[in-house]
């Protein structure tokens, strides 16, 4: 039977015809960190006082303003200012639904003041659209920034929402005079 020594040269292992190497730990690739080195963002410090390893930034809740800037008999222009994300998406959805409940059939949403809109914001727009369209209304988007327009195109939502370059175009398409 062959005798094979492990990397350390200490322990020989013999096996009936099969050669085995007895290693107590798995080999690591060179340059790769071991399992004891991990990203610990937000984790407690080891053996310490229980304080976070990384100090937490103060919570800043950005607001979202949805303001009616123009009203017509069957249309309303709502100016949206602020970021639309997890913290503000419900505000947008609720405000658009409330605006439609107040009478106008069409809502033109002015996106010029929206520097950021994530998937939650898109979900809020879709939820508002679904409820408003079920009640015979519609949502038009105007002055959408290139980043949000790209997001609408990637997700296919540009087919759900009518997107206009300006407010006047949105109002004339909605059947109202500018």
N, C-alpha and C. Protein backbone atom coordinates (compact mmCIF):
# COMPACT_ATOMS: atom_id res chain seq x y z
N UNK A 1 0.83 -1.18 0.00
CA UNK A 1 0.00 0.00 0.00
C UNK A 1 0.87 1.24 0.00
N UNK A 2 0.51 2.20 -0.80
CA UNK A 2 1.30 3.43 -0.82
C UNK A 2 1.04 4.25 0.42
N UNK A 3 2.03 4.95 0.83
CA UNK A 3 1.90 5.86 1.96
C UNK A 3 2.02 7.27 1.41
N UNK A 4 1.05 8.11 1.76
CA UNK A 4 1.02 9.48 1.28
C UNK A 4 1.03 10.39 2.49
N UNK A 5 1.87 11.39 2.45
CA UNK A 5 1.94 12.35 3.54
C UNK A 5 1.15 13.59 3.15
N UNK A 6 0.51 14.18 4.16
CA UNK A 6 -0.23 15.42 3.87
C UNK A 6 0.74 16.57 3.71
N UNK A 7 0.20 17.75 3.45
CA UNK A 7 1.05 18.90 3.17
C UNK A 7 2.02 19.22 4.30
N UNK A 8 1.59 19.01 5.52
CA UNK A 8 2.46 19.30 6.65
C UNK A 8 3.53 18.23 6.84
N UNK A 9 3.37 17.06 6.23
CA UNK A 9 4.37 16.02 6.32
C UNK A 9 4.23 15.18 7.57
N UNK A 10 3.19 15.39 8.41
CA UNK A 10 3.09 14.68 9.67
C UNK A 10 2.37 13.34 9.56
N UNK A 11 1.13 13.41 9.14
CA UNK A 11 0.28 12.24 9.23
C UNK A 11 0.23 11.48 7.93
N UNK A 12 0.59 10.24 7.98
CA UNK A 12 0.51 9.39 6.80
C UNK A 12 -0.81 8.64 6.86
N UNK A 13 -1.41 8.47 5.72
CA UNK A 13 -2.67 7.76 5.64
C UNK A 13 -2.51 6.65 4.62
N UNK A 14 -2.85 5.45 5.00
CA UNK A 14 -2.80 4.33 4.06
C UNK A 14 -4.22 3.84 3.85
N UNK A 15 -4.48 3.49 2.62
CA UNK A 15 -5.79 2.99 2.30
C UNK A 15 -5.62 1.84 1.34
N UNK A 16 -6.50 0.86 1.42
CA UNK A 16 -6.38 -0.34 0.60
C UNK A 16 -6.39 -0.05 -0.88
N UNK A 17 -5.33 0.38 -1.44
CA UNK A 17 -5.23 0.64 -2.86
C UNK A 17 -5.54 2.07 -3.23
N UNK A 18 -6.38 2.74 -2.46
CA UNK A 18 -6.72 4.13 -2.73
C UNK A 18 -5.81 5.03 -1.91
N UNK A 19 -5.40 6.09 -2.50
CA UNK A 19 -4.55 7.05 -1.81
C UNK A 19 -5.42 8.21 -1.36
N UNK A 20 -5.33 8.54 -0.10
CA UNK A 20 -6.10 9.66 0.44
C UNK A 20 -5.16 10.60 1.15
N UNK A 21 -5.46 11.84 1.11
CA UNK A 21 -4.68 12.83 1.86
C UNK A 21 -5.55 13.28 3.01
N UNK A 22 -5.04 13.21 4.21
CA UNK A 22 -5.77 13.60 5.41
C UNK A 22 -5.44 15.05 5.72
N UNK A 23 -6.35 15.93 5.37
CA UNK A 23 -6.16 17.33 5.70
C UNK A 23 -7.30 17.76 6.60
N UNK A 24 -6.99 18.45 7.65
CA UNK A 24 -8.01 18.85 8.60
C UNK A 24 -8.79 20.09 8.16
N UNK A 25 -8.33 20.83 7.18
CA UNK A 25 -9.07 21.99 6.71
C UNK A 25 -8.98 22.08 5.19
N UNK A 26 -9.96 22.72 4.62
CA UNK A 26 -10.01 22.85 3.17
C UNK A 26 -8.96 23.83 2.68
N UNK A 27 -8.41 23.52 1.54
CA UNK A 27 -7.40 24.41 0.96
C UNK A 27 -8.06 25.69 0.48
N UNK A 28 -7.36 26.80 0.61
CA UNK A 28 -7.87 28.09 0.14
C UNK A 28 -7.14 28.50 -1.11
N UNK A 29 -7.83 29.24 -1.95
CA UNK A 29 -7.18 29.79 -3.13
C UNK A 29 -6.29 30.94 -2.69
N UNK A 30 -5.15 31.07 -3.32
CA UNK A 30 -4.27 32.19 -2.95
C UNK A 30 -4.96 33.52 -3.19
N UNK A 31 -4.79 34.45 -2.27
CA UNK A 31 -5.34 35.78 -2.42
C UNK A 31 -6.79 35.91 -2.00
N UNK A 32 -7.39 34.84 -1.60
CA UNK A 32 -8.79 34.89 -1.20
C UNK A 32 -8.88 34.94 0.32
N UNK A 33 -9.76 35.80 0.82
CA UNK A 33 -9.92 35.92 2.26
C UNK A 33 -10.60 34.69 2.83
N UNK A 34 -10.26 34.39 4.05
CA UNK A 34 -10.86 33.26 4.74
C UNK A 34 -12.25 33.60 5.25
N UNK A 35 -12.96 32.62 5.76
CA UNK A 35 -14.32 32.84 6.22
C UNK A 35 -14.43 33.75 7.43
N UNK A 36 -13.33 33.99 8.14
CA UNK A 36 -13.39 34.84 9.32
C UNK A 36 -13.38 36.32 8.97
N UNK A 37 -13.12 36.69 7.72
CA UNK A 37 -13.11 38.08 7.29
C UNK A 37 -14.35 38.31 6.43
N UNK A 38 -15.29 39.06 6.95
CA UNK A 38 -16.54 39.31 6.24
C UNK A 38 -16.94 40.76 6.39
N UNK A 39 -17.79 41.18 5.52
CA UNK A 39 -18.35 42.52 5.62
C UNK A 39 -19.27 42.54 6.83
N UNK A 40 -19.06 43.45 7.73
CA UNK A 40 -19.83 43.47 8.96
C UNK A 40 -20.59 44.77 9.12
N UNK A 41 -21.01 45.35 8.03
CA UNK A 41 -21.75 46.62 8.10
C UNK A 41 -23.01 46.44 8.92
N UNK A 42 -23.15 47.22 9.92
CA UNK A 42 -24.33 47.16 10.77
C UNK A 42 -24.28 46.08 11.82
N UNK A 43 -23.22 45.26 11.83
CA UNK A 43 -23.11 44.18 12.81
C UNK A 43 -22.48 44.71 14.09
N UNK A 44 -22.62 43.97 15.14
CA UNK A 44 -22.02 44.34 16.42
C UNK A 44 -20.52 44.06 16.40
N UNK A 45 -19.76 44.88 17.08
CA UNK A 45 -18.32 44.68 17.16
C UNK A 45 -18.03 43.43 17.97
N UNK A 46 -16.98 42.68 17.58
CA UNK A 46 -16.62 41.45 18.28
C UNK A 46 -16.10 41.74 19.67
N UNK A 47 -16.66 41.02 20.61
CA UNK A 47 -16.17 41.10 21.99
C UNK A 47 -16.15 42.50 22.54
N UNK A 48 -16.88 43.38 21.96
CA UNK A 48 -16.83 44.77 22.38
C UNK A 48 -17.98 45.13 23.29
N UNK A 49 -18.33 46.36 23.23
CA UNK A 49 -19.34 46.90 24.12
C UNK A 49 -20.75 46.74 23.59
N UNK A 50 -20.90 46.16 22.44
CA UNK A 50 -22.22 46.01 21.86
C UNK A 50 -22.59 47.18 20.97
N UNK A 51 -21.65 48.11 20.78
CA UNK A 51 -21.91 49.25 19.90
C UNK A 51 -21.78 48.79 18.45
N UNK A 52 -22.49 49.42 17.54
CA UNK A 52 -22.37 49.03 16.13
C UNK A 52 -20.95 49.22 15.62
N UNK A 53 -20.50 48.31 14.78
CA UNK A 53 -19.17 48.39 14.21
C UNK A 53 -19.06 49.60 13.27
N UNK A 54 -20.14 49.93 12.59
CA UNK A 54 -20.18 51.06 11.68
C UNK A 54 -21.24 52.03 12.22
N UNK A 55 -20.89 53.27 12.48
CA UNK A 55 -21.90 54.20 13.00
C UNK A 55 -23.01 54.41 11.98
N UNK A 56 -24.23 54.44 12.47
CA UNK A 56 -25.37 54.62 11.59
C UNK A 56 -25.57 56.10 11.30
N UNK A 57 -25.92 56.38 10.05
CA UNK A 57 -26.20 57.76 9.66
C UNK A 57 -27.57 58.14 10.18
N UNK A 58 -27.76 59.38 10.54
CA UNK A 58 -29.08 59.79 11.01
C UNK A 58 -30.12 59.60 9.91
N UNK A 59 -31.28 59.15 10.31
CA UNK A 59 -32.35 58.91 9.34
C UNK A 59 -32.88 60.23 8.82
N UNK A 60 -32.81 60.41 7.50
CA UNK A 60 -33.32 61.62 6.87
C UNK A 60 -34.48 61.19 5.99
N UNK A 61 -35.63 61.69 6.30
CA UNK A 61 -36.81 61.36 5.52
C UNK A 61 -37.12 62.51 4.59
N UNK A 62 -36.81 62.28 3.33
CA UNK A 62 -37.09 63.31 2.34
C UNK A 62 -38.59 63.33 2.08
N UNK A 63 -39.12 64.52 1.97
CA UNK A 63 -40.54 64.64 1.72
C UNK A 63 -40.85 64.63 0.23
N UNK A 64 -42.10 64.42 -0.04
CA UNK A 64 -42.58 64.46 -1.41
C UNK A 64 -43.77 65.39 -1.43
N UNK A 65 -43.71 66.41 -2.28
CA UNK A 65 -44.82 67.34 -2.40
C UNK A 65 -45.57 67.07 -3.69
N UNK A 66 -46.87 66.92 -3.57
CA UNK A 66 -47.75 66.77 -4.72
C UNK A 66 -48.75 67.91 -4.62
N UNK A 67 -48.61 68.89 -5.52
CA UNK A 67 -49.39 70.11 -5.45
C UNK A 67 -50.17 70.32 -6.75
N UNK A 68 -51.42 70.70 -6.63
CA UNK A 68 -52.21 71.03 -7.80
C UNK A 68 -51.80 72.43 -8.25
N UNK A 69 -51.34 72.54 -9.49
CA UNK A 69 -50.89 73.84 -10.00
C UNK A 69 -51.84 74.39 -11.06
N UNK A 70 -52.72 73.55 -11.60
CA UNK A 70 -53.69 74.03 -12.60
C UNK A 70 -54.89 73.09 -12.59
N UNK A 71 -56.07 73.69 -12.68
CA UNK A 71 -57.29 72.89 -12.72
C UNK A 71 -58.13 73.30 -13.92
N UNK A 72 -58.70 72.34 -14.56
CA UNK A 72 -59.67 72.54 -15.64
C UNK A 72 -60.90 71.72 -15.29
N UNK A 73 -61.92 71.81 -16.09
CA UNK A 73 -63.16 71.09 -15.78
C UNK A 73 -62.98 69.58 -15.72
N UNK A 74 -62.18 69.04 -16.64
CA UNK A 74 -62.01 67.58 -16.64
C UNK A 74 -60.57 67.14 -16.45
N UNK A 75 -59.66 68.09 -16.15
CA UNK A 75 -58.25 67.75 -15.98
C UNK A 75 -57.63 68.59 -14.87
N UNK A 76 -56.62 68.01 -14.25
CA UNK A 76 -55.87 68.70 -13.21
C UNK A 76 -54.39 68.42 -13.43
N UNK A 77 -53.54 69.43 -13.19
CA UNK A 77 -52.10 69.26 -13.28
C UNK A 77 -51.55 69.19 -11.87
N UNK A 78 -50.88 68.08 -11.57
CA UNK A 78 -50.27 67.88 -10.25
C UNK A 78 -48.76 67.91 -10.39
N UNK A 79 -48.15 68.87 -9.72
CA UNK A 79 -46.69 68.99 -9.75
C UNK A 79 -46.12 68.13 -8.62
N UNK A 80 -45.18 67.25 -8.97
CA UNK A 80 -44.55 66.37 -7.99
C UNK A 80 -43.12 66.86 -7.80
N UNK A 81 -42.74 67.12 -6.53
CA UNK A 81 -41.40 67.59 -6.22
C UNK A 81 -40.82 66.71 -5.13
N UNK A 82 -39.68 66.10 -5.41
CA UNK A 82 -38.99 65.25 -4.45
C UNK A 82 -38.72 63.88 -5.02
N UNK A 83 -38.02 63.07 -4.23
CA UNK A 83 -37.69 61.72 -4.66
C UNK A 83 -38.85 60.78 -4.38
N UNK A 84 -39.10 59.88 -5.31
CA UNK A 84 -40.16 58.89 -5.14
C UNK A 84 -39.47 57.55 -4.88
N UNK A 85 -39.57 57.11 -3.64
CA UNK A 85 -38.93 55.86 -3.24
C UNK A 85 -39.80 55.14 -2.22
N UNK A 86 -39.22 54.20 -1.53
CA UNK A 86 -39.95 53.39 -0.55
C UNK A 86 -40.66 54.24 0.50
N UNK A 87 -40.06 55.36 0.88
CA UNK A 87 -40.61 56.20 1.94
C UNK A 87 -41.70 57.16 1.45
N UNK A 88 -41.73 57.44 0.16
CA UNK A 88 -42.66 58.46 -0.33
C UNK A 88 -43.67 57.94 -1.36
N UNK A 89 -43.52 56.72 -1.81
CA UNK A 89 -44.37 56.19 -2.88
C UNK A 89 -45.85 56.16 -2.47
N UNK A 90 -46.13 55.79 -1.24
CA UNK A 90 -47.52 55.74 -0.78
C UNK A 90 -48.16 57.13 -0.78
N UNK A 91 -47.37 58.15 -0.51
CA UNK A 91 -47.88 59.52 -0.54
C UNK A 91 -48.33 59.87 -1.96
N UNK A 92 -47.50 59.52 -2.94
CA UNK A 92 -47.84 59.79 -4.33
C UNK A 92 -49.12 59.06 -4.74
N UNK A 93 -49.18 57.77 -4.46
CA UNK A 93 -50.35 56.97 -4.83
C UNK A 93 -51.62 57.53 -4.20
N UNK A 94 -51.58 57.77 -2.90
CA UNK A 94 -52.76 58.27 -2.19
C UNK A 94 -53.19 59.64 -2.70
N UNK A 95 -52.23 60.51 -2.96
CA UNK A 95 -52.57 61.86 -3.43
C UNK A 95 -53.19 61.83 -4.83
N UNK A 96 -52.66 61.00 -5.71
CA UNK A 96 -53.23 60.93 -7.06
C UNK A 96 -54.64 60.35 -7.02
N UNK A 97 -54.86 59.35 -6.21
CA UNK A 97 -56.20 58.75 -6.09
C UNK A 97 -57.17 59.76 -5.49
N UNK A 98 -56.69 60.54 -4.51
CA UNK A 98 -57.55 61.55 -3.90
C UNK A 98 -57.90 62.65 -4.90
N UNK A 99 -56.92 63.06 -5.72
CA UNK A 99 -57.19 64.07 -6.74
C UNK A 99 -58.26 63.60 -7.71
N UNK A 100 -58.19 62.36 -8.11
CA UNK A 100 -59.18 61.84 -9.04
C UNK A 100 -60.56 61.75 -8.38
N UNK A 101 -60.58 61.41 -7.12
CA UNK A 101 -61.85 61.33 -6.39
C UNK A 101 -62.54 62.67 -6.27
N UNK A 102 -61.76 63.75 -6.42
CA UNK A 102 -62.31 65.09 -6.32
C UNK A 102 -63.02 65.57 -7.57
N UNK A 103 -63.02 64.79 -8.62
CA UNK A 103 -63.78 65.19 -9.79
C UNK A 103 -63.10 65.08 -11.14
N UNK A 104 -61.84 65.52 -11.32
CA UNK A 104 -61.29 65.52 -12.67
C UNK A 104 -61.08 64.09 -13.21
N UNK A 105 -61.41 63.93 -14.48
CA UNK A 105 -61.27 62.62 -15.11
C UNK A 105 -59.81 62.33 -15.44
N UNK A 106 -59.06 63.38 -15.80
CA UNK A 106 -57.67 63.19 -16.21
C UNK A 106 -56.73 63.91 -15.25
N UNK A 107 -55.63 63.24 -14.94
CA UNK A 107 -54.61 63.84 -14.09
C UNK A 107 -53.32 63.90 -14.90
N UNK A 108 -52.76 65.09 -15.02
CA UNK A 108 -51.45 65.27 -15.65
C UNK A 108 -50.45 65.42 -14.52
N UNK A 109 -49.49 64.51 -14.46
CA UNK A 109 -48.48 64.52 -13.41
C UNK A 109 -47.20 65.14 -13.97
N UNK A 110 -46.81 66.29 -13.42
CA UNK A 110 -45.61 67.00 -13.84
C UNK A 110 -44.42 66.43 -13.07
N UNK A 111 -43.53 65.74 -13.79
CA UNK A 111 -42.39 65.07 -13.18
C UNK A 111 -41.10 65.89 -13.22
N UNK A 112 -41.15 67.15 -13.61
CA UNK A 112 -39.94 67.96 -13.74
C UNK A 112 -39.18 68.07 -12.41
N UNK A 113 -39.86 68.02 -11.29
CA UNK A 113 -39.22 68.16 -9.98
C UNK A 113 -38.87 66.85 -9.32
N UNK A 114 -38.84 65.76 -10.10
CA UNK A 114 -38.53 64.44 -9.54
C UNK A 114 -37.13 64.02 -9.99
N UNK A 115 -36.13 64.15 -9.10
CA UNK A 115 -34.78 63.76 -9.49
C UNK A 115 -34.54 62.25 -9.45
N UNK A 116 -35.41 61.51 -8.72
CA UNK A 116 -35.19 60.07 -8.55
C UNK A 116 -36.53 59.37 -8.38
N UNK A 117 -36.67 58.24 -9.03
CA UNK A 117 -37.86 57.40 -8.88
C UNK A 117 -37.41 55.95 -8.99
N UNK A 118 -37.66 55.16 -7.95
CA UNK A 118 -37.25 53.76 -7.97
C UNK A 118 -38.43 52.85 -8.31
N UNK A 119 -38.22 51.54 -8.19
CA UNK A 119 -39.26 50.57 -8.52
C UNK A 119 -40.49 50.72 -7.64
N UNK A 120 -40.31 51.13 -6.40
CA UNK A 120 -41.46 51.35 -5.52
C UNK A 120 -42.30 52.51 -6.03
N UNK A 121 -41.65 53.54 -6.53
CA UNK A 121 -42.36 54.67 -7.11
C UNK A 121 -43.13 54.27 -8.35
N UNK A 122 -42.51 53.44 -9.18
CA UNK A 122 -43.22 52.94 -10.36
C UNK A 122 -44.42 52.10 -9.96
N UNK A 123 -44.25 51.30 -8.92
CA UNK A 123 -45.37 50.49 -8.42
C UNK A 123 -46.52 51.36 -7.93
N UNK A 124 -46.18 52.47 -7.28
CA UNK A 124 -47.21 53.40 -6.80
C UNK A 124 -47.95 54.04 -7.97
N UNK A 125 -47.22 54.40 -9.02
CA UNK A 125 -47.85 54.95 -10.21
C UNK A 125 -48.80 53.94 -10.86
N UNK A 126 -48.34 52.70 -10.94
CA UNK A 126 -49.18 51.65 -11.55
C UNK A 126 -50.42 51.40 -10.70
N UNK A 127 -50.26 51.38 -9.37
CA UNK A 127 -51.41 51.17 -8.48
C UNK A 127 -52.42 52.31 -8.63
N UNK A 128 -51.92 53.54 -8.69
CA UNK A 128 -52.82 54.69 -8.88
C UNK A 128 -53.51 54.60 -10.25
N UNK A 129 -52.74 54.25 -11.27
CA UNK A 129 -53.32 54.10 -12.61
C UNK A 129 -54.42 53.04 -12.61
N UNK A 130 -54.16 51.90 -12.00
CA UNK A 130 -55.15 50.82 -11.99
C UNK A 130 -56.46 51.26 -11.33
N UNK A 131 -56.35 51.93 -10.20
CA UNK A 131 -57.56 52.36 -9.51
C UNK A 131 -58.28 53.47 -10.26
N UNK A 132 -57.52 54.42 -10.76
CA UNK A 132 -58.13 55.55 -11.46
C UNK A 132 -58.74 55.11 -12.78
N UNK A 133 -58.06 54.23 -13.51
CA UNK A 133 -58.62 53.77 -14.79
C UNK A 133 -59.84 52.87 -14.57
N UNK A 134 -59.91 52.16 -13.46
CA UNK A 134 -61.09 51.35 -13.15
C UNK A 134 -62.31 52.24 -12.91
N UNK A 135 -62.06 53.48 -12.53
CA UNK A 135 -63.15 54.43 -12.29
C UNK A 135 -63.35 55.38 -13.48
N UNK A 136 -62.74 55.06 -14.63
CA UNK A 136 -62.93 55.85 -15.84
C UNK A 136 -61.97 57.00 -16.02
N UNK A 137 -60.92 57.08 -15.22
CA UNK A 137 -59.96 58.17 -15.34
C UNK A 137 -58.68 57.74 -16.01
N UNK A 138 -57.77 58.69 -16.16
CA UNK A 138 -56.47 58.38 -16.75
C UNK A 138 -55.40 59.29 -16.19
N UNK A 139 -54.17 58.81 -16.25
CA UNK A 139 -53.01 59.57 -15.79
C UNK A 139 -52.10 59.82 -16.99
N UNK A 140 -51.70 61.07 -17.17
CA UNK A 140 -50.72 61.45 -18.18
C UNK A 140 -49.48 61.95 -17.44
N UNK A 141 -48.30 61.63 -17.95
CA UNK A 141 -47.05 62.10 -17.36
C UNK A 141 -46.45 63.17 -18.26
N UNK A 142 -45.94 64.23 -17.65
CA UNK A 142 -45.34 65.33 -18.43
C UNK A 142 -43.98 65.69 -17.85
N UNK A 143 -43.12 66.17 -18.72
CA UNK A 143 -41.78 66.65 -18.36
C UNK A 143 -40.99 65.62 -17.56
N UNK A 144 -41.03 64.41 -18.01
CA UNK A 144 -40.31 63.31 -17.35
C UNK A 144 -38.83 63.44 -17.71
N UNK A 145 -37.98 63.38 -16.72
CA UNK A 145 -36.53 63.50 -16.94
C UNK A 145 -36.01 62.27 -17.69
N UNK A 146 -34.89 62.41 -18.37
CA UNK A 146 -34.36 61.30 -19.17
C UNK A 146 -34.12 60.00 -18.37
N UNK A 147 -33.65 60.10 -17.14
CA UNK A 147 -33.41 58.88 -16.35
C UNK A 147 -34.71 58.15 -16.05
N UNK A 148 -35.76 58.90 -15.70
CA UNK A 148 -37.04 58.26 -15.43
C UNK A 148 -37.70 57.76 -16.71
N UNK A 149 -37.51 58.49 -17.81
CA UNK A 149 -38.05 58.06 -19.09
C UNK A 149 -37.40 56.74 -19.53
N UNK A 150 -36.12 56.64 -19.30
CA UNK A 150 -35.40 55.38 -19.61
C UNK A 150 -35.95 54.25 -18.76
N UNK A 151 -36.20 54.51 -17.49
CA UNK A 151 -36.76 53.50 -16.61
C UNK A 151 -38.16 53.08 -17.07
N UNK A 152 -38.96 54.03 -17.51
CA UNK A 152 -40.29 53.71 -18.03
C UNK A 152 -40.19 52.83 -19.28
N UNK A 153 -39.22 53.13 -20.13
CA UNK A 153 -39.06 52.34 -21.36
C UNK A 153 -38.53 50.94 -21.05
N UNK A 154 -37.58 50.84 -20.14
CA UNK A 154 -37.02 49.53 -19.78
C UNK A 154 -38.10 48.62 -19.21
N UNK A 155 -38.95 49.18 -18.37
CA UNK A 155 -40.00 48.38 -17.73
C UNK A 155 -41.24 48.21 -18.60
N UNK A 156 -41.31 48.92 -19.71
CA UNK A 156 -42.47 48.83 -20.59
C UNK A 156 -43.64 49.69 -20.15
N UNK A 157 -43.45 50.49 -19.12
CA UNK A 157 -44.53 51.33 -18.62
C UNK A 157 -44.82 52.54 -19.51
N UNK A 158 -43.95 52.82 -20.46
CA UNK A 158 -44.23 53.91 -21.42
C UNK A 158 -45.45 53.55 -22.28
N UNK A 159 -45.81 52.28 -22.32
CA UNK A 159 -47.02 51.88 -23.05
C UNK A 159 -48.27 52.02 -22.18
N UNK A 160 -48.09 52.04 -20.87
CA UNK A 160 -49.22 52.18 -19.96
C UNK A 160 -49.57 53.65 -19.74
N UNK A 161 -48.55 54.48 -19.61
CA UNK A 161 -48.74 55.91 -19.37
C UNK A 161 -48.44 56.69 -20.64
N UNK A 162 -49.26 57.69 -20.93
CA UNK A 162 -48.96 58.60 -22.02
C UNK A 162 -47.97 59.62 -21.48
N UNK A 163 -46.81 59.73 -22.15
CA UNK A 163 -45.74 60.61 -21.70
C UNK A 163 -45.64 61.79 -22.66
N UNK A 164 -45.63 63.02 -22.11
CA UNK A 164 -45.59 64.25 -22.91
C UNK A 164 -44.35 65.06 -22.56
N UNK A 165 -43.86 65.81 -23.53
CA UNK A 165 -42.68 66.64 -23.32
C UNK A 165 -42.96 67.84 -22.44
N UNK A 166 -44.21 68.35 -22.49
CA UNK A 166 -44.54 69.53 -21.69
C UNK A 166 -45.99 69.47 -21.21
N UNK A 167 -46.35 70.41 -20.35
CA UNK A 167 -47.68 70.46 -19.77
C UNK A 167 -48.73 70.79 -20.81
N UNK A 168 -48.43 71.76 -21.68
CA UNK A 168 -49.39 72.16 -22.70
C UNK A 168 -49.77 70.98 -23.61
N UNK A 169 -48.76 70.21 -23.99
CA UNK A 169 -49.02 69.04 -24.82
C UNK A 169 -49.85 67.99 -24.10
N UNK A 170 -49.61 67.84 -22.81
CA UNK A 170 -50.39 66.88 -22.01
C UNK A 170 -51.83 67.32 -21.87
N UNK A 171 -52.03 68.62 -21.66
CA UNK A 171 -53.40 69.14 -21.52
C UNK A 171 -54.16 69.08 -22.84
N UNK A 172 -53.48 69.40 -23.95
CA UNK A 172 -54.20 69.34 -25.22
C UNK A 172 -54.51 67.90 -25.60
N UNK A 173 -53.64 66.98 -25.28
CA UNK A 173 -53.90 65.56 -25.53
C UNK A 173 -55.00 65.04 -24.62
N UNK A 174 -55.11 65.63 -23.45
CA UNK A 174 -56.14 65.21 -22.49
C UNK A 174 -57.47 65.86 -22.81
N UNK A 175 -57.51 66.70 -23.84
CA UNK A 175 -58.79 67.29 -24.25
C UNK A 175 -59.09 68.62 -23.58
N UNK A 176 -58.11 69.21 -22.89
CA UNK A 176 -58.32 70.50 -22.22
C UNK A 176 -57.53 71.57 -22.94
N UNK A 177 -57.94 72.79 -22.78
CA UNK A 177 -57.17 73.88 -23.36
C UNK A 177 -56.06 74.29 -22.42
N UNK A 178 -54.95 74.72 -22.99
CA UNK A 178 -53.79 75.07 -22.17
C UNK A 178 -53.91 76.39 -21.51
